[in-house]
Each structure stands twice: as structure tokens, then as C-alpha cells.
Amino acid sequence: MRALTEPEIRASFVNCSKGEAKRLPVPRELAEQRWDDLDFLGWRDLGAPDRAYLVAELDGDLVGVTLRSPNVRRSLTRTNVCSACITAHQGSGVSLLTAPRAGVRGREGNSVGTYLCADLACSLYVRGIRRPATVSRPNESLPLEDQIARTVANLEAFLRQVLA
């Protein structure tokens, strides 16, 4: 992913008002991001743990979405798998994140959801830069490039649902 600026990030949001996009928290350490290792930029709102944000490229355009996660305690013995990167995590390492749809449908209350790594570090898990706390990532026969392409395709499918 290419390096993004705060104005680019704020302008990319498709499922909230311009005022909401102007007020949402943007990561402070943008210059320190590992842009070459990221397929998308994702972050949690430190002031509101049930909120998260994601910005990715889709068909050459930046698409940002606001996300919410339910405050559900997960069993520490249950393993869940991220729908994007196929990384397994125990406990609360995977969250159901829902996004209001863009446009009129979102204003009517329609939303879509997917299970993603709770810390939104899917790109780093796929590349082996970050490891799940208690579960090892399965060894895959797919080359790394194909795993990355699968992660991007899974995320793009979710973004297309938000835009539909």
C-alpha cells in the first residue's frame, strides 16, 4: 500500500458523513507505518473500543469504512478465524466488525459484517511479521504472494458489499 496522508484518509470514507470523517481519530504515527507490508490501513479507536476504521485501495480509489464491533466476551478456549487473512486466534483475537452500507442504504440502517483480526493487522499476520498470541498460523502450501492476493480479494469482497 502507498503511504497515505491524513486528508486522504479522511476523504476516503464512504459510509459516514463528511463531518463524522473530519472528527474520527486518525493514527498519529502515519509516517512510521510499514506501508510496504500493508494491504490496507486499519486501526481501532482508543477512546471507543467498539469502533474501528479501515482504508484500502479498491479499483484504484481509496475506500474508507467505519466499523463497529459488539462488546461480546469470547471464550479463551475457542479459536476463531479471520475471514480476510485466514489467521486463527483464540479468545477475542477475531472480531465481528460491521459496517453501515454506503449511501441511502446505510442511512436506512443496513449494514454488512465480517470477521477480521481484532487488531486489523491481517497484512502483518500473512507476512509472518506478527504472530497470533496463542495459536500458530497454519502452514499453507500457497506461496506468500497468493496468500496476500487472497487476503486482498477477501477484503475487496467485503468493501464491495459496503458499497453495494
C-alpha atoms as a PDB file:
ATOM      1  CA  MET A   1       0.000   0.000   0.000  1.00  0.00           C
ATOM      2  CA  ARG A   2       1.221   3.501  -0.690  1.00  0.00           C
ATOM      3  CA  ALA A   3       1.744   5.954   2.158  1.00  0.00           C
ATOM      4  CA  LEU A   4      -1.387   7.926   2.982  1.00  0.00           C
ATOM      5  CA  THR A   5      -1.870  11.380   4.419  1.00  0.00           C
ATOM      6  CA  GLU A   6      -4.482  12.400   6.959  1.00  0.00           C
ATOM      7  CA  PRO A   7      -6.505  14.417   4.389  1.00  0.00           C
ATOM      8  CA  GLU A   8      -6.518  11.420   2.002  1.00  0.00           C
ATOM      9  CA  ILE A   9      -7.694   9.129   4.778  1.00  0.00           C
ATOM     10  CA  ARG A  10     -10.492  11.474   5.875  1.00  0.00           C
ATOM     11  CA  ALA A  11     -11.678  11.999   2.281  1.00  0.00           C
ATOM     12  CA  SER A  12     -11.843   8.243   1.618  1.00  0.00           C
ATOM     13  CA  PHE A  13     -14.721   7.382   3.983  1.00  0.00           C
ATOM     14  CA  VAL A  14     -17.831   6.204   2.154  1.00  0.00           C
ATOM     15  CA  ASN A  15     -20.173   5.171   4.967  1.00  0.00           C
ATOM     16  CA  CYS A  16     -20.230   8.224   7.199  1.00  0.00           C
ATOM     17  CA  SER A  17     -20.847  11.928   6.779  1.00  0.00           C
ATOM     18  CA  LYS A  18     -18.044  14.355   5.949  1.00  0.00           C
ATOM     19  CA  GLY A  19     -18.429  15.801   9.445  1.00  0.00           C
ATOM     20  CA  GLU A  20     -18.002  12.385  11.036  1.00  0.00           C
ATOM     21  CA  ALA A  21     -14.964  11.692   8.844  1.00  0.00           C
ATOM     22  CA  LYS A  22     -13.478  15.015   9.922  1.00  0.00           C
ATOM     23  CA  ARG A  23     -13.876  14.123  13.616  1.00  0.00           C
ATOM     24  CA  LEU A  24     -12.798  10.487  13.622  1.00  0.00           C
ATOM     25  CA  PRO A  25      -9.382   9.698  15.108  1.00  0.00           C
ATOM     26  CA  VAL A  26      -6.638   9.044  12.563  1.00  0.00           C
ATOM     27  CA  PRO A  27      -3.493   7.140  13.582  1.00  0.00           C
ATOM     28  CA  ARG A  28      -0.853   9.593  14.761  1.00  0.00           C
ATOM     29  CA  GLU A  29       2.088   7.527  13.572  1.00  0.00           C
ATOM     30  CA  LEU A  30       1.293   7.611   9.830  1.00  0.00           C
ATOM     31  CA  ALA A  31       4.922   8.325   8.933  1.00  0.00           C
ATOM     32  CA  GLU A  32       6.016   5.257  10.914  1.00  0.00           C
ATOM     33  CA  GLN A  33       3.616   2.767   9.287  1.00  0.00           C
ATOM     34  CA  ARG A  34       5.126  -0.220   7.450  1.00  0.00           C
ATOM     35  CA  TRP A  35       3.412   0.841   4.217  1.00  0.00           C
ATOM     36  CA  ASP A  36       5.245  -1.716   2.053  1.00  0.00           C
ATOM     37  CA  ASP A  37       3.906  -4.515   4.276  1.00  0.00           C
ATOM     38  CA  LEU A  38       0.297  -3.261   4.415  1.00  0.00           C
ATOM     39  CA  ASP A  39      -2.532  -4.243   2.109  1.00  0.00           C
ATOM     40  CA  PHE A  40      -4.839  -1.842   3.966  1.00  0.00           C
ATOM     41  CA  LEU A  41      -4.639   0.580   6.874  1.00  0.00           C
ATOM     42  CA  GLY A  42      -6.758  -0.483   9.818  1.00  0.00           C
ATOM     43  CA  TRP A  43      -6.945   0.899  13.358  1.00  0.00           C
ATOM     44  CA  ARG A  44      -9.082   0.850  16.478  1.00  0.00           C
ATOM     45  CA  ASP A  45     -10.454   3.946  18.196  1.00  0.00           C
ATOM     46  CA  LEU A  46      -8.616   4.036  21.517  1.00  0.00           C
ATOM     47  CA  GLY A  47     -11.343   6.237  23.022  1.00  0.00           C
ATOM     48  CA  ALA A  48     -14.184   3.937  21.904  1.00  0.00           C
ATOM     49  CA  PRO A  49     -13.070   0.283  21.838  1.00  0.00           C
ATOM     50  CA  ASP A  50     -16.134  -0.807  19.859  1.00  0.00           C
ATOM     51  CA  ARG A  51     -15.127   1.374  16.878  1.00  0.00           C
ATOM     52  CA  ALA A  52     -12.584   0.649  14.172  1.00  0.00           C
ATOM     53  CA  TYR A  53     -11.645   2.095  10.806  1.00  0.00           C
ATOM     54  CA  LEU A  54     -10.243   0.651   7.619  1.00  0.00           C
ATOM     55  CA  VAL A  55      -8.868   2.289   4.459  1.00  0.00           C
ATOM     56  CA  ALA A  56      -7.934   0.292   1.372  1.00  0.00           C
ATOM     57  CA  GLU A  57      -7.480   0.738  -2.343  1.00  0.00           C
ATOM     58  CA  LEU A  58     -10.329  -0.592  -4.463  1.00  0.00           C
ATOM     59  CA  ASP A  59     -10.222  -0.278  -8.242  1.00  0.00           C
ATOM     60  CA  GLY A  60      -7.604   2.479  -7.958  1.00  0.00           C
ATOM     61  CA  ASP A  61      -9.589   4.563  -5.455  1.00  0.00           C
ATOM     62  CA  LEU A  62      -9.243   4.823  -1.692  1.00  0.00           C
ATOM     63  CA  VAL A  63     -12.223   3.454   0.213  1.00  0.00           C
ATOM     64  CA  GLY A  64     -12.514   4.082   3.938  1.00  0.00           C
ATOM     65  CA  VAL A  65     -15.150   2.464   6.120  1.00  0.00           C
ATOM     66  CA  THR A  66     -16.206   2.912   9.718  1.00  0.00           C
ATOM     67  CA  LEU A  67     -16.668  -0.333  11.626  1.00  0.00           C
ATOM     68  CA  ARG A  68     -18.287  -1.382  14.884  1.00  0.00           C
ATOM     69  CA  SER A  69     -17.792  -4.470  16.972  1.00  0.00           C
ATOM     70  CA  PRO A  70     -20.138  -5.813  19.616  1.00  0.00           C
ATOM     71  CA  ASN A  71     -18.921  -5.853  23.203  1.00  0.00           C
ATOM     72  CA  VAL A  72     -19.042  -9.616  23.484  1.00  0.00           C
ATOM     73  CA  ARG A  73     -16.679 -11.562  25.679  1.00  0.00           C
ATOM     74  CA  ARG A  74     -15.264 -14.543  23.871  1.00  0.00           C
ATOM     75  CA  SER A  75     -14.218 -17.837  25.338  1.00  0.00           C
ATOM     76  CA  LEU A  76     -10.475 -18.106  25.806  1.00  0.00           C
ATOM     77  CA  THR A  77     -10.658 -21.741  24.722  1.00  0.00           C
ATOM     78  CA  ARG A  78     -12.477 -21.119  21.430  1.00  0.00           C
ATOM     79  CA  THR A  79     -10.480 -20.461  18.266  1.00  0.00           C
ATOM     80  CA  ASN A  80     -11.828 -18.087  15.597  1.00  0.00           C
ATOM     81  CA  VAL A  81     -10.522 -17.456  12.083  1.00  0.00           C
ATOM     82  CA  CYS A  82     -10.221 -14.111  10.312  1.00  0.00           C
ATOM     83  CA  SER A  83     -12.244 -14.034   7.081  1.00  0.00           C
ATOM     84  CA  ALA A  84      -9.645 -11.923   5.302  1.00  0.00           C
ATOM     85  CA  CYS A  85      -6.250 -13.426   6.127  1.00  0.00           C
ATOM     86  CA  ILE A  86      -7.351 -16.863   7.440  1.00  0.00           C
ATOM     87  CA  THR A  87      -5.360 -16.407  10.658  1.00  0.00           C
ATOM     88  CA  ALA A  88      -6.651 -18.288  13.687  1.00  0.00           C
ATOM     89  CA  HIS A  89      -6.832 -16.507  17.045  1.00  0.00           C
ATOM     90  CA  GLN A  90      -8.056 -17.620  20.441  1.00  0.00           C
ATOM     91  CA  GLY A  91     -10.479 -15.606  22.516  1.00  0.00           C
ATOM     92  CA  SER A  92     -11.066 -12.067  21.337  1.00  0.00           C
ATOM     93  CA  GLY A  93      -8.371 -12.088  18.623  1.00  0.00           C
ATOM     94  CA  VAL A  94     -11.054 -12.086  15.917  1.00  0.00           C
ATOM     95  CA  SER A  95     -13.982  -9.652  15.991  1.00  0.00           C
ATOM     96  CA  LEU A  96     -17.211  -9.462  14.083  1.00  0.00           C
ATOM     97  CA  LEU A  97     -16.934  -5.997  12.556  1.00  0.00           C
ATOM     98  CA  THR A  98     -19.988  -4.427  10.964  1.00  0.00           C
ATOM     99  CA  ALA A  99     -20.042  -1.502   8.585  1.00  0.00           C
ATOM    100  CA  PRO A 100     -23.029   0.610   7.624  1.00  0.00           C
ATOM    101  CA  ARG A 101     -23.579   0.391   3.878  1.00  0.00           C
ATOM    102  CA  ALA A 102     -22.666   3.466   1.866  1.00  0.00           C
ATOM    103  CA  GLY A 103     -25.319   5.955   0.806  1.00  0.00           C
ATOM    104  CA  VAL A 104     -29.063   5.723   1.323  1.00  0.00           C
ATOM    105  CA  ARG A 105     -28.983   2.061   2.334  1.00  0.00           C
ATOM    106  CA  GLY A 106     -26.629   2.849   5.199  1.00  0.00           C
ATOM    107  CA  ARG A 107     -28.744   5.784   6.337  1.00  0.00           C
ATOM    108  CA  GLU A 108     -31.701   3.378   6.412  1.00  0.00           C
ATOM    109  CA  GLY A 109     -29.764   1.197   8.862  1.00  0.00           C
ATOM    110  CA  ASN A 110     -28.481  -1.511   6.514  1.00  0.00           C
ATOM    111  CA  SER A 111     -25.060  -2.916   7.349  1.00  0.00           C
ATOM    112  CA  VAL A 112     -22.757  -5.785   6.452  1.00  0.00           C
ATOM    113  CA  GLY A 113     -20.293  -7.615   8.629  1.00  0.00           C
ATOM    114  CA  THR A 114     -17.230  -9.799   8.504  1.00  0.00           C
ATOM    115  CA  TYR A 115     -14.866 -11.471  10.936  1.00  0.00           C
ATOM    116  CA  LEU A 116     -11.452  -9.751  10.974  1.00  0.00           C
ATOM    117  CA  CYS A 117      -8.384  -9.830  13.173  1.00  0.00           C
ATOM    118  CA  ALA A 118      -9.357  -7.637  16.124  1.00  0.00           C
ATOM    119  CA  ASP A 119      -6.177  -5.552  15.789  1.00  0.00           C
ATOM    120  CA  LEU A 120      -6.696  -5.212  11.994  1.00  0.00           C
ATOM    121  CA  ALA A 121      -3.120  -6.411  11.381  1.00  0.00           C
ATOM    122  CA  CYS A 122      -4.082  -9.024   8.782  1.00  0.00           C
ATOM    123  CA  SER A 123      -1.307  -7.909   6.415  1.00  0.00           C
ATOM    124  CA  LEU A 124       1.319  -8.459   9.108  1.00  0.00           C
ATOM    125  CA  TYR A 125      -0.046 -11.900  10.064  1.00  0.00           C
ATOM    126  CA  VAL A 126       0.013 -13.103   6.448  1.00  0.00           C
ATOM    127  CA  ARG A 127       3.612 -11.988   6.048  1.00  0.00           C
ATOM    128  CA  GLY A 128       4.692 -13.570   9.350  1.00  0.00           C
ATOM    129  CA  ILE A 129       5.728 -10.188  10.794  1.00  0.00           C
ATOM    130  CA  ARG A 130       3.211 -10.540  13.616  1.00  0.00           C
ATOM    131  CA  ARG A 131       2.129 -13.807  15.190  1.00  0.00           C
ATOM    132  CA  PRO A 132      -1.128 -14.647  16.974  1.00  0.00           C
ATOM    133  CA  ALA A 133      -0.681 -14.741  20.737  1.00  0.00           C
ATOM    134  CA  THR A 134      -1.664 -18.336  21.432  1.00  0.00           C
ATOM    135  CA  VAL A 135      -2.445 -20.081  18.140  1.00  0.00           C
ATOM    136  CA  SER A 136       0.063 -20.708  15.391  1.00  0.00           C
ATOM    137  CA  ARG A 137      -0.868 -19.745  11.870  1.00  0.00           C
ATOM    138  CA  PRO A 138      -1.327 -22.864   9.742  1.00  0.00           C
ATOM    139  CA  ASN A 139       1.410 -23.729   7.271  1.00  0.00           C
ATOM    140  CA  GLU A 140      -0.050 -23.207   3.836  1.00  0.00           C
ATOM    141  CA  SER A 141       1.039 -24.659   0.535  1.00  0.00           C
ATOM    142  CA  LEU A 142       0.146 -21.394  -1.213  1.00  0.00           C
ATOM    143  CA  PRO A 143       3.067 -19.089  -1.970  1.00  0.00           C
ATOM    144  CA  LEU A 144       3.139 -15.875   0.058  1.00  0.00           C
ATOM    145  CA  GLU A 145       2.109 -13.787  -2.972  1.00  0.00           C
ATOM    146  CA  ASP A 146      -1.033 -15.898  -3.372  1.00  0.00           C
ATOM    147  CA  GLN A 147      -1.848 -15.627   0.332  1.00  0.00           C
ATOM    148  CA  ILE A 148      -1.538 -11.844   0.074  1.00  0.00           C
ATOM    149  CA  ALA A 149      -3.722 -11.826  -3.059  1.00  0.00           C
ATOM    150  CA  ARG A 150      -6.344 -13.928  -1.241  1.00  0.00           C
ATOM    151  CA  THR A 151      -6.346 -11.512   1.709  1.00  0.00           C
ATOM    152  CA  VAL A 152      -6.787  -8.540  -0.627  1.00  0.00           C
ATOM    153  CA  ALA A 153      -9.561 -10.318  -2.566  1.00  0.00           C
ATOM    154  CA  ASN A 154     -11.420 -11.209   0.647  1.00  0.00           C
ATOM    155  CA  LEU A 155     -11.194  -7.617   1.873  1.00  0.00           C
ATOM    156  CA  GLU A 156     -12.264  -6.242  -1.524  1.00  0.00           C
ATOM    157  CA  ALA A 157     -15.322  -8.519  -1.456  1.00  0.00           C
ATOM    158  CA  PHE A 158     -16.302  -7.038   1.900  1.00  0.00           C
ATOM    159  CA  LEU A 159     -15.754  -3.458   0.665  1.00  0.00           C
ATOM    160  CA  ARG A 160     -17.898  -4.143  -2.404  1.00  0.00           C
ATOM    161  CA  GLN A 161     -20.709  -5.260  -0.075  1.00  0.00           C
ATOM    162  CA  VAL A 162     -20.399  -1.968   1.827  1.00  0.00           C
ATOM    163  CA  LEU A 163     -20.598  -0.040  -1.457  1.00  0.00           C
ATOM    164  CA  ALA A 164     -23.478  -2.121  -2.911  1.00  0.00           C
END
